């Protein structure tokens, strides 16, 4: 039985696919995006997150933190453990909801992911994934009802500068995924300080018939509180102005 490292399981989510969903955040990602809103999901190791404003100075840290000031991020779970959490929400899924595997990068723990998907399918649970698409596994992707994939920056050198990895493999994986017939929602996190080539990304995605929607997601600074809790500096980015997002709307589309 495979064990996975899970950062968090969020219940009753409405932002990670259609309907009401359970979002399972996998810990570990080969990319290290400088704006990542889930910085605690980048490392493949367990980490301590410290929120000093919650500390009550009880001196009992070794017994576990009762105030939520000291949080261990990363829990080893079996696929059955994860399924048990997912099944708690199944009565609320209706015809549209289900589970979304996020992160981090779920495909970085592909054996564990595959086993968890198979268990979910035994219970007729709709399965979606949020992925950087740095990995491609035909047999796993065929099992998803929906793939939400990031295309962050058009220029590969710039992509490497801000994420640690070039985008050539990601582009090829978009093309390969297109042939599987699984619906794809492509996404770009909008970072105003970076020339992301959103017009070129949009043109490329329109050549892929199974990309059903291209979403432009405005950067938000919510990850900075978690960066601080990890002992990291602020990412230094700012949320885009509404006018800027309005200007970019012409590149987003729904088929």
Protein backbone atom coordinates (compact mmCIF):
# COMPACT_ATOMS: atom_id res chain seq x y z
CA UNK A 1 0.00 0.00 0.00
CA UNK A 2 1.37 3.40 -1.03
CA UNK A 3 1.72 6.25 1.46
CA UNK A 4 1.45 9.87 0.42
CA UNK A 5 2.46 13.13 2.06
CA UNK A 6 -0.58 15.40 2.31
CA UNK A 7 -0.39 19.07 3.28
CA UNK A 8 -4.10 19.60 3.90
CA UNK A 9 -7.60 18.43 3.00
CA UNK A 10 -10.09 21.24 2.50
CA UNK A 11 -13.76 20.40 2.64
CA UNK A 12 -16.69 22.17 1.00
CA UNK A 13 -14.53 23.94 -1.57
CA UNK A 14 -16.25 25.80 -4.40
CA UNK A 15 -13.18 27.15 -6.22
CA UNK A 16 -11.45 23.97 -7.39
CA UNK A 17 -13.78 22.67 -10.07
CA UNK A 18 -17.54 22.42 -10.49
CA UNK A 19 -19.94 21.98 -7.60
CA UNK A 20 -18.97 21.35 -3.99
CA UNK A 21 -15.62 19.60 -3.77
CA UNK A 22 -13.11 18.14 -1.36
CA UNK A 23 -9.64 19.45 -2.23
CA UNK A 24 -6.66 17.27 -1.32
CA UNK A 25 -3.41 19.22 -1.25
CA UNK A 26 -0.38 17.07 -2.03
CA UNK A 27 2.90 18.20 -0.49
CA UNK A 28 5.85 18.65 -2.84
CA UNK A 29 6.32 20.32 -6.20
CA UNK A 30 9.26 20.35 -8.66
CA UNK A 31 8.45 23.98 -9.50
CA UNK A 32 9.20 26.77 -7.06
CA UNK A 33 7.07 29.63 -8.37
CA UNK A 34 8.11 32.84 -6.68
CA UNK A 35 4.46 33.92 -6.26
CA UNK A 36 3.14 30.54 -5.06
CA UNK A 37 0.04 30.96 -2.88
CA UNK A 38 0.68 27.53 -1.35
CA UNK A 39 4.39 27.84 -0.43
CA UNK A 40 3.97 25.16 2.24
CA UNK A 41 3.29 22.68 -0.58
CA UNK A 42 6.60 23.18 -2.41
CA UNK A 43 8.89 21.13 -0.16
CA UNK A 44 8.65 17.34 -0.21
CA UNK A 45 9.46 17.28 3.52
CA UNK A 46 7.34 17.95 6.59
CA UNK A 47 7.68 21.54 7.80
CA UNK A 48 6.82 23.59 10.86
CA UNK A 49 4.72 26.71 10.32
CA UNK A 50 4.82 29.20 13.19
CA UNK A 51 2.21 31.91 13.76
CA UNK A 52 3.53 34.00 16.72
CA UNK A 53 0.32 36.01 17.03
CA UNK A 54 -1.46 32.81 18.10
CA UNK A 55 1.13 31.76 20.69
CA UNK A 56 -0.10 31.82 24.31
CA UNK A 57 3.38 31.04 25.73
CA UNK A 58 2.18 27.94 27.55
CA UNK A 59 5.61 26.29 27.31
CA UNK A 60 4.08 22.98 26.23
CA UNK A 61 5.25 22.90 22.60
CA UNK A 62 6.53 19.34 22.96
CA UNK A 63 3.02 18.10 23.72
CA UNK A 64 1.54 19.64 20.59
CA UNK A 65 0.35 23.20 20.08
CA UNK A 66 -3.10 23.83 21.49
CA UNK A 67 -3.44 27.39 20.19
CA UNK A 68 -2.58 26.74 16.55
CA UNK A 69 0.64 28.78 16.70
CA UNK A 70 2.83 25.85 15.72
CA UNK A 71 1.50 23.79 12.83
CA UNK A 72 3.12 20.71 11.34
CA UNK A 73 2.54 20.77 7.58
CA UNK A 74 2.74 17.32 6.04
CA UNK A 75 0.93 14.18 7.13
CA UNK A 76 1.63 10.68 5.88
CA UNK A 77 -1.62 9.08 4.76
CA UNK A 78 -2.67 5.97 2.93
CA UNK A 79 -5.04 6.13 -0.02
CA UNK A 80 -7.71 4.61 2.21
CA UNK A 81 -7.11 7.37 4.80
CA UNK A 82 -7.68 10.02 2.14
CA UNK A 83 -10.75 8.22 0.79
CA UNK A 84 -12.26 8.14 4.28
CA UNK A 85 -12.00 11.94 4.45
CA UNK A 86 -13.45 12.33 0.95
CA UNK A 87 -16.42 10.08 1.70
CA UNK A 88 -17.47 12.38 4.54
CA UNK A 89 -18.36 14.96 1.90
CA UNK A 90 -19.89 12.66 -0.70
CA UNK A 91 -23.51 13.37 0.37
CA UNK A 92 -22.96 17.03 -0.61
CA UNK A 93 -21.42 16.51 -4.06
CA UNK A 94 -24.66 16.19 -6.00
CA UNK A 95 -24.27 15.71 -9.74
CA UNK A 96 -21.39 18.20 -10.21
CA UNK A 97 -19.13 17.96 -7.18
CA UNK A 98 -16.38 15.57 -6.25
CA UNK A 99 -12.72 15.52 -5.28
CA UNK A 100 -9.93 17.71 -6.64
CA UNK A 101 -6.31 16.72 -6.21
CA UNK A 102 -4.15 19.80 -5.86
CA UNK A 103 -0.90 20.85 -4.27
CA UNK A 104 1.92 21.06 -4.70
CA UNK A 105 1.99 18.79 -7.70
CA UNK A 106 -0.17 15.65 -7.35
CA UNK A 107 1.62 13.86 -10.21
CA UNK A 108 4.88 14.05 -8.23
CA UNK A 109 3.37 11.28 -6.06
CA UNK A 110 1.85 9.43 -8.98
CA UNK A 111 1.62 5.90 -7.52
CA UNK A 112 -0.18 7.18 -4.44
CA UNK A 113 -2.36 9.44 -6.58
CA UNK A 114 -3.26 6.58 -8.91
CA UNK A 115 -4.28 4.33 -6.01
CA UNK A 116 -6.41 7.10 -4.49
CA UNK A 117 -8.17 7.79 -7.79
CA UNK A 118 -9.00 4.10 -8.22
CA UNK A 119 -10.56 3.99 -4.75
CA UNK A 120 -12.60 7.12 -5.53
CA UNK A 121 -13.82 5.62 -8.81
CA UNK A 122 -15.06 2.56 -6.92
CA UNK A 123 -17.41 4.96 -5.12
CA UNK A 124 -18.39 6.82 -8.33
CA UNK A 125 -16.70 10.02 -7.18
CA UNK A 126 -15.93 12.65 -9.81
CA UNK A 127 -12.14 13.28 -9.87
CA UNK A 128 -10.36 16.44 -11.01
CA UNK A 129 -6.76 17.59 -10.76
CA UNK A 130 -4.95 20.91 -10.55
CA UNK A 131 -1.51 20.48 -12.09
CA UNK A 132 1.50 22.35 -13.41
CA UNK A 133 1.55 19.73 -16.19
CA UNK A 134 5.29 19.27 -15.72
CA UNK A 135 4.53 15.52 -15.62
CA UNK A 136 2.46 13.45 -18.01
CA UNK A 137 1.07 10.00 -17.30
CA UNK A 138 -1.44 8.84 -19.89
CA UNK A 139 -3.04 6.14 -17.71
CA UNK A 140 -3.58 8.51 -14.80
CA UNK A 141 -4.86 11.45 -16.84
CA UNK A 142 -7.41 9.22 -18.59
CA UNK A 143 -9.10 8.65 -15.24
CA UNK A 144 -9.86 12.31 -14.55
CA UNK A 145 -13.17 13.98 -15.31
CA UNK A 146 -11.41 17.34 -15.55
CA UNK A 147 -7.83 18.61 -15.72
CA UNK A 148 -7.05 22.15 -14.59
CA UNK A 149 -3.56 22.95 -15.88
CA UNK A 150 -1.36 26.00 -15.48
CA UNK A 151 0.44 27.76 -18.30
CA UNK A 152 2.29 30.43 -16.35
CA UNK A 153 4.69 32.20 -18.75
CA UNK A 154 5.19 31.92 -22.51
CA UNK A 155 8.95 32.57 -22.71
CA UNK A 156 10.81 29.51 -21.45
CA UNK A 157 13.83 31.41 -20.08
CA UNK A 158 11.53 33.73 -18.14
CA UNK A 159 9.50 30.73 -16.99
CA UNK A 160 12.67 29.14 -15.61
CA UNK A 161 13.69 32.36 -13.87
CA UNK A 162 10.41 32.58 -11.97
CA UNK A 163 9.54 28.89 -11.47
CA UNK A 164 12.90 27.11 -11.57
CA UNK A 165 11.99 25.06 -14.66
CA UNK A 166 11.61 25.84 -18.38
CA UNK A 167 8.24 25.31 -20.05
CA UNK A 168 9.15 23.12 -23.05
CA UNK A 169 7.95 19.95 -21.34
CA UNK A 170 4.77 21.66 -20.20
CA UNK A 171 3.93 22.74 -23.76
CA UNK A 172 4.48 19.20 -25.05
CA UNK A 173 2.34 17.79 -22.25
CA UNK A 174 -0.50 20.15 -23.16
CA UNK A 175 -0.36 18.73 -26.69
CA UNK A 176 -0.31 15.12 -25.48
CA UNK A 177 -3.11 15.71 -22.98
CA UNK A 178 -5.24 17.24 -25.73
CA UNK A 179 -5.40 13.88 -27.54
CA UNK A 180 -6.89 12.05 -24.53
CA UNK A 181 -10.27 13.73 -24.84
CA UNK A 182 -10.36 14.80 -21.19
CA UNK A 183 -11.78 18.33 -20.72
CA UNK A 184 -9.04 20.84 -19.88
CA UNK A 185 -9.29 24.21 -18.16
CA UNK A 186 -6.07 26.15 -18.71
CA UNK A 187 -5.08 28.80 -16.20
CA UNK A 188 -2.58 31.62 -15.92
CA UNK A 189 -1.95 33.37 -12.60
CA UNK A 190 -1.68 37.04 -13.57
CA UNK A 191 1.44 38.70 -12.13
CA UNK A 192 1.56 42.34 -13.35
CA UNK A 193 5.31 42.63 -12.69
CA UNK A 194 6.09 39.88 -15.24
CA UNK A 195 5.72 39.92 -19.02
CA UNK A 196 3.91 36.58 -19.20
CA UNK A 197 3.00 36.61 -22.90
CA UNK A 198 -0.66 35.96 -22.17
CA UNK A 199 -1.62 36.81 -25.76
CA UNK A 200 0.72 34.08 -27.09
CA UNK A 201 -0.48 31.57 -24.49
CA UNK A 202 -4.07 32.24 -25.53
CA UNK A 203 -3.25 31.74 -29.22
CA UNK A 204 -1.53 28.43 -28.49
CA UNK A 205 -4.37 27.12 -26.31
CA UNK A 206 -6.94 27.86 -29.02
CA UNK A 207 -5.22 25.24 -31.19
CA UNK A 208 -6.08 22.54 -28.62
CA UNK A 209 -9.66 21.37 -29.04
CA UNK A 210 -10.01 19.90 -25.56
CA UNK A 211 -9.07 23.14 -23.81
CA UNK A 212 -12.60 24.20 -22.96
CA UNK A 213 -11.73 27.33 -21.04
CA UNK A 214 -8.80 29.67 -20.48
CA UNK A 215 -8.92 31.41 -17.10
CA UNK A 216 -6.83 34.39 -16.01
CA UNK A 217 -6.48 34.31 -12.24
CA UNK A 218 -5.38 37.54 -10.54
CA UNK A 219 -2.49 37.14 -8.13
CA UNK A 220 -3.41 37.49 -4.48
CA UNK A 221 -1.02 37.89 -1.51
CA UNK A 222 -2.62 35.25 0.72
CA UNK A 223 0.49 33.09 0.42
CA UNK A 224 2.64 35.68 2.19
CA UNK A 225 1.21 34.89 5.62
CA UNK A 226 2.20 31.27 5.07
CA UNK A 227 5.61 32.32 3.76
CA UNK A 228 6.16 34.28 6.95
CA UNK A 229 5.10 31.27 9.02
CA UNK A 230 7.74 29.24 7.17
CA UNK A 231 10.40 31.85 7.93
CA UNK A 232 10.49 33.15 4.34
CA UNK A 233 10.43 36.69 2.99
CA UNK A 234 7.40 38.18 1.24
CA UNK A 235 7.26 37.33 -2.46
CA UNK A 236 7.22 41.04 -3.39
CA UNK A 237 4.33 40.86 -5.87
CA UNK A 238 1.12 42.87 -5.92
CA UNK A 239 -2.45 42.14 -6.91
CA UNK A 240 -3.31 43.46 -10.40
CA UNK A 241 -5.59 46.46 -10.75
CA UNK A 242 -9.14 45.83 -11.91
CA UNK A 243 -8.43 47.87 -15.03
CA UNK A 244 -5.47 45.64 -15.87
CA UNK A 245 -7.58 42.49 -15.52
CA UNK A 246 -10.32 44.05 -17.66
CA UNK A 247 -7.78 44.71 -20.39
CA UNK A 248 -6.67 41.07 -20.33
CA UNK A 249 -10.21 39.69 -20.55
CA UNK A 250 -9.96 39.57 -24.36
CA UNK A 251 -7.46 36.72 -24.06
CA UNK A 252 -9.58 34.55 -21.77
CA UNK A 253 -12.28 32.40 -23.35
CA UNK A 254 -14.84 29.66 -22.87
CA UNK A 255 -15.64 27.23 -25.70
